[in-house]
Protein backbone atom coordinates (compact mmCIF):
# COMPACT_ATOMS: atom_id res chain seq x y z
CA MET A 1 -31.27 30.28 20.09
CA LYS A 2 -29.61 32.70 17.64
CA ALA A 3 -26.63 30.52 18.22
CA LEU A 4 -27.99 27.44 17.91
CA PHE A 5 -29.83 28.48 14.66
CA TRP A 6 -26.57 29.49 13.40
CA ALA A 7 -24.67 26.35 14.64
CA LEU A 8 -27.27 24.08 12.75
CA LEU A 9 -26.94 26.25 9.35
CA ALA A 10 -23.66 25.86 9.37
CA ALA A 11 -23.57 22.32 9.98
CA ALA A 12 -25.89 21.98 7.54
CA LEU A 13 -24.29 23.79 4.85
CA LEU A 14 -21.11 21.90 5.53
CA ALA A 15 -22.68 18.61 5.15
CA GLY A 16 -24.08 19.87 1.73
CA PHE A 17 -20.91 21.27 0.34
CA VAL A 18 -19.21 17.50 1.22
CA LEU A 19 -22.11 16.07 -0.47
CA TRP A 20 -22.03 18.00 -3.47
CA ARG A 21 -17.64 17.84 -3.13
CA ARG A 22 -18.29 13.98 -3.29
CA GLN A 23 -20.56 13.87 -6.09
CA LEU A 24 -18.53 15.85 -8.31
CA VAL A 25 -15.59 13.55 -7.69
CA LEU A 26 -17.59 10.40 -8.64
CA ALA A 27 -18.58 12.06 -11.90
CA ARG A 28 -14.94 13.01 -12.61
CA GLU A 29 -13.93 9.52 -11.70
CA GLN A 30 -16.79 7.92 -13.71
CA HIS A 31 -15.63 10.03 -16.60
CA ILE A 32 -12.11 9.11 -16.57
CA ARG A 33 -12.91 5.57 -16.49
CA ASN A 34 -15.79 5.49 -19.39
CA GLY A 35 -15.11 8.66 -21.18
CA GLU A 36 -14.81 7.93 -24.94
CA LEU A 37 -11.43 8.38 -26.13
CA PRO A 38 -11.28 9.90 -29.74
CA ARG A 39 -11.49 7.86 -33.18
CA GLY A 40 -7.93 7.38 -34.45
CA LEU A 41 -6.20 7.61 -31.21
CA PHE A 42 -5.17 3.68 -31.33
CA ALA A 43 -3.96 3.53 -34.55
CA ASN A 44 -1.94 6.53 -34.47
CA LEU A 45 -0.02 4.39 -31.11
CA GLN A 46 0.21 1.43 -33.60
CA LYS A 47 2.22 4.00 -35.71
CA ARG A 48 4.53 4.92 -33.31
CA ARG A 49 4.23 1.30 -31.66
CA PRO A 50 3.84 -1.07 -34.67
CA GLU A 51 4.22 -4.62 -32.28
CA LEU A 52 0.86 -3.41 -30.32
CA SER A 53 -2.32 -5.24 -31.47
CA LEU A 54 -5.60 -3.58 -30.58
CA LYS A 55 -6.47 -5.49 -27.74
CA ASP A 56 -2.38 -3.93 -26.74
CA CYS A 57 -3.64 -0.89 -27.13
CA GLN A 58 -7.20 -0.72 -24.98
CA LEU A 59 -4.44 -1.99 -22.01
CA VAL A 60 -2.75 0.52 -22.53
CA ALA A 61 -6.00 2.94 -22.49
CA GLN A 62 -6.93 1.17 -18.94
CA GLY A 63 -3.57 2.36 -17.89
CA LEU A 64 -3.53 5.63 -18.69
CA ARG A 65 -7.18 5.99 -16.97
CA GLN A 66 -5.55 4.55 -13.88
CA PHE A 67 -2.83 7.12 -14.09
CA PHE A 68 -5.63 10.07 -15.01
CA LEU A 69 -7.42 8.54 -11.44
CA ALA A 70 -4.01 8.89 -9.57
CA TYR A 71 -4.28 12.11 -10.61
CA LEU A 72 -7.62 13.12 -9.48
CA HIS A 73 -7.38 11.18 -5.93
CA SER A 74 -4.51 12.84 -5.16
CA GLY A 75 -5.85 16.19 -4.93
CA LYS A 76 -4.30 16.95 -8.59
CA GLN A 77 -0.46 17.55 -6.91
CA PRO A 78 1.93 16.74 -9.21
CA VAL A 79 2.30 13.03 -10.80
CA SER A 80 4.56 10.84 -12.48
CA MET A 81 3.99 9.24 -15.42
CA PRO A 82 5.40 5.27 -14.66
CA SER A 83 5.10 3.72 -18.09
CA GLN A 84 6.60 4.58 -21.34
CA VAL A 85 3.46 3.05 -23.71
CA ALA A 86 1.48 4.87 -21.63
CA ASP A 87 3.17 8.18 -21.73
CA ASP A 88 3.15 7.53 -26.09
CA LEU A 89 -0.51 7.46 -25.55
CA TRP A 90 -1.10 10.24 -23.59
CA HIS A 91 1.22 12.14 -26.14
CA GLU A 92 -0.81 10.90 -28.80
CA PHE A 93 -4.28 11.95 -27.19
CA ILE A 94 -2.83 15.48 -26.58
CA LEU A 95 -2.64 15.85 -30.37
CA PHE A 96 -6.49 15.42 -30.21
CA THR A 97 -6.30 18.77 -29.08
CA ARG A 98 -10.29 19.82 -28.54
CA HIS A 99 -11.14 16.17 -27.56
CA TYR A 100 -8.19 16.32 -24.73
CA LYS A 101 -9.34 19.47 -23.62
CA ALA A 102 -13.07 18.45 -23.22
CA PHE A 103 -11.71 15.13 -21.64
CA CYS A 104 -9.89 17.25 -18.90
CA ASP A 105 -12.66 19.95 -18.12
CA LYS A 106 -14.54 16.86 -17.26
CA ALA A 107 -12.04 15.21 -15.50
CA PHE A 108 -10.31 17.52 -13.66
CA GLY A 109 -11.98 20.89 -14.04
CA GLY A 110 -8.76 21.64 -15.96
CA PHE A 111 -6.41 21.09 -18.37
CA LEU A 112 -3.67 18.74 -17.41
CA HIS A 113 -0.17 19.23 -18.80
CA HIS A 114 2.20 16.67 -20.39
CA THR A 115 5.91 15.92 -19.30
CA PRO A 116 7.50 13.03 -20.35
CA ALA A 117 7.67 9.65 -18.31
CA ALA A 118 9.79 9.59 -15.01
CA ALA A 119 11.86 6.61 -13.71
CA LEU A 120 12.63 5.92 -10.10
CA SER A 121 15.82 7.83 -8.91
CA ASP A 122 17.82 7.92 -5.84
CA ASN A 123 16.59 11.35 -4.95
CA LYS A 124 13.43 10.43 -3.00
CA ARG A 125 12.02 13.72 -3.03
CA ALA A 126 11.88 13.40 -6.87
CA ASN A 127 10.08 10.39 -6.86
CA ALA A 128 7.31 12.07 -4.96
CA GLY A 129 5.28 12.20 -8.04
CA LEU A 130 5.72 8.41 -8.78
CA ARG A 131 4.86 7.33 -4.89
CA ARG A 132 1.61 9.22 -5.29
CA VAL A 133 1.06 6.98 -8.32
CA TRP A 134 1.93 4.26 -6.67
CA TRP A 135 -0.85 4.76 -3.83
CA TRP A 136 -3.25 5.44 -6.00
CA ALA A 137 -2.92 2.71 -8.74
CA CYS A 138 -2.72 -0.09 -6.02
CA LYS A 139 -5.97 1.28 -4.61
CA ASP A 140 -7.32 1.22 -7.99
CA ASP A 141 -6.39 -2.47 -8.53
CA ASN A 142 -7.44 -3.83 -4.90
CA ILE A 143 -3.52 -3.92 -3.83
CA ASN A 144 -1.94 -3.06 -0.74
CA PRO A 145 0.24 -0.34 -1.46
CA ARG A 146 2.92 -0.89 1.73
CA LYS A 147 2.55 -4.86 1.10
CA PRO A 148 2.20 -5.75 -2.45
CA THR A 149 1.98 -8.96 -3.95
CA ARG A 150 1.78 -7.72 -7.45
CA LEU A 151 2.08 -4.36 -9.54
CA PRO A 152 -0.64 -2.32 -10.41
CA LEU A 153 -1.53 -2.20 -14.09
CA ILE A 154 0.69 1.32 -14.95
CA PHE A 155 3.33 0.19 -13.32
CA ALA A 156 3.23 -3.22 -14.84
CA LEU A 157 2.36 -2.11 -18.51
CA ASP A 158 5.92 -1.91 -20.22
CA ALA A 159 7.05 -5.26 -18.97
CA LYS A 160 3.78 -6.90 -19.87
CA LEU A 161 3.73 -5.76 -23.31
CA GLY A 162 7.63 -5.84 -23.93
CA ILE A 163 7.87 -2.39 -24.59
CA ALA A 164 11.62 -1.49 -26.01
CA GLY A 165 12.68 1.50 -23.64
CA GLY A 166 9.95 1.04 -21.29
CA PHE A 167 10.41 1.12 -17.48
CA VAL A 168 10.12 -2.31 -16.04
CA TYR A 169 9.46 -2.37 -11.95
CA ALA A 170 10.28 -5.59 -9.84
CA LEU A 171 8.66 -6.26 -6.09
CA ASP A 172 11.52 -8.12 -4.89
CA CYS A 173 14.40 -5.44 -4.03
CA HIS A 174 16.99 -7.71 -2.35
CA ALA A 175 16.95 -10.10 -5.45
CA LEU A 176 16.89 -6.90 -8.19
CA ARG A 177 19.93 -5.44 -5.55
CA ALA A 178 21.72 -8.64 -5.60
CA GLN A 179 22.06 -8.98 -9.42
CA ALA A 180 23.46 -5.82 -9.95
CA ALA A 181 25.89 -5.97 -7.00
CA GLY A 182 29.19 -4.23 -7.72
CA ASP A 183 27.44 -1.82 -10.07
CA ALA A 184 27.89 1.91 -8.33
CA SER A 185 24.42 3.12 -9.60
CA ALA A 186 22.65 -0.11 -9.09
CA SER A 187 21.01 0.77 -5.46
CA THR A 188 17.48 1.39 -7.49
CA SER A 189 17.92 -0.17 -11.28
CA THR A 190 19.48 -2.66 -13.14
CA SER A 191 19.83 -2.00 -17.28
CA THR A 192 19.70 -4.14 -20.41
CA SER A 193 20.16 -3.11 -23.74
CA THR A 194 16.19 -2.27 -24.37
CA SER A 195 14.83 -1.41 -20.79
CA VAL A 196 15.41 -0.76 -17.12
CA THR A 197 14.40 -2.52 -14.11
CA TYR A 198 14.04 -0.29 -11.03
CA CYS A 199 12.74 -1.30 -7.22
CA ALA A 200 9.10 -0.70 -7.10
CA GLY A 201 9.27 -2.76 -3.47
CA ASP A 202 10.38 0.56 -1.89
CA PHE A 203 7.29 2.66 -2.19
CA GLY A 204 5.59 -0.18 0.19
CA SER A 205 8.49 0.62 2.77
CA SER A 206 7.43 4.46 3.63
CA ALA A 207 4.38 6.13 5.01
CA VAL A 208 2.89 6.90 1.60
CA ASP A 209 -0.86 7.53 2.56
CA GLY A 210 -1.61 9.42 -0.58
CA SER A 211 -1.57 13.01 1.33
CA THR A 212 2.13 12.95 1.85
CA ASP A 213 4.96 12.28 -0.28
CA GLY A 214 6.14 9.43 2.29
CA PHE A 215 9.81 11.16 2.77
CA GLY A 216 8.90 12.46 6.56
CA ASP A 217 8.37 15.69 5.58
CA ASN A 218 5.30 17.70 5.53
CA GLY A 219 4.89 18.57 1.88
CA GLY A 220 2.82 16.74 -0.60
CA GLY A 221 -0.68 16.31 -1.87
CA SER A 222 -4.17 17.01 -0.36
CA SER A 223 -7.50 15.34 -0.85
CA ASN A 224 -8.91 18.77 -2.01
CA ASP A 225 -10.57 18.99 -5.32
CA GLY A 226 -8.86 22.32 -6.04
CA GLY A 227 -6.87 23.29 -9.02
CA GLY A 228 -3.47 24.88 -9.66
CA ASP A 229 -0.34 23.04 -10.49
CA GLY A 230 0.88 21.85 -7.25
CA GLY A 231 4.27 23.26 -7.32
CA SER A 232 7.95 21.57 -8.60
CA CYS A 233 7.78 18.18 -9.55
CA GLY A 234 10.96 17.71 -8.31
CA GLY A 235 13.83 15.91 -11.06
CA GLY A 236 11.12 14.11 -12.87
CA GLY A 237 8.44 14.19 -15.56
CA CYS A 238 4.84 15.03 -14.07
CA GLY A 239 1.65 16.01 -14.91
CA SER A 240 0.18 19.04 -13.15
């Protein structure tokens, strides 16, 4: 009888913990989606990017929230920012130090540090953070991350808004590589005078599932809700 009692108690405690954790994640997700941004944030972004309208700024904020959700749902493993304009807004947000800290505490249980936006590179391990964001951004936009038919918002922002020096992603890798034929560095990207186009289609070709980096190793994220900085970000910028 004692053994049965302790087994039932353990099961009840486990079920209670799972329910508590789920409610915590849902509350944090809700805050990320709807938490108030500081007054003056969009005005500051427009000083940096005067070509942006208020509607454009609101779209950029939606993309930044999608990036924050990717960080939350990846178990707060290192993630890389795929958009230059969303990175600009993130940087401006951090300058509202008290508001940003309060936002992070409610959204993540701790401070999310900023590092520069990162582009897809030939180093697969350096792309782990981008792949995590790809997986969860696709999920957020109801896109199959392994067989995408369109880009999730955070990966489409720079091209959509015509951001000079932004990161542009293409789904059709074959066309992109054909266009870049003859360029020794063009296996992953082509460039213009104002932006670089990267192959996002490759994200869907690997077993990226949100809990691994998708490179055939045992590293990567977890779905826990713990803190910590999750280790090295590889060769690109990340938030951790």
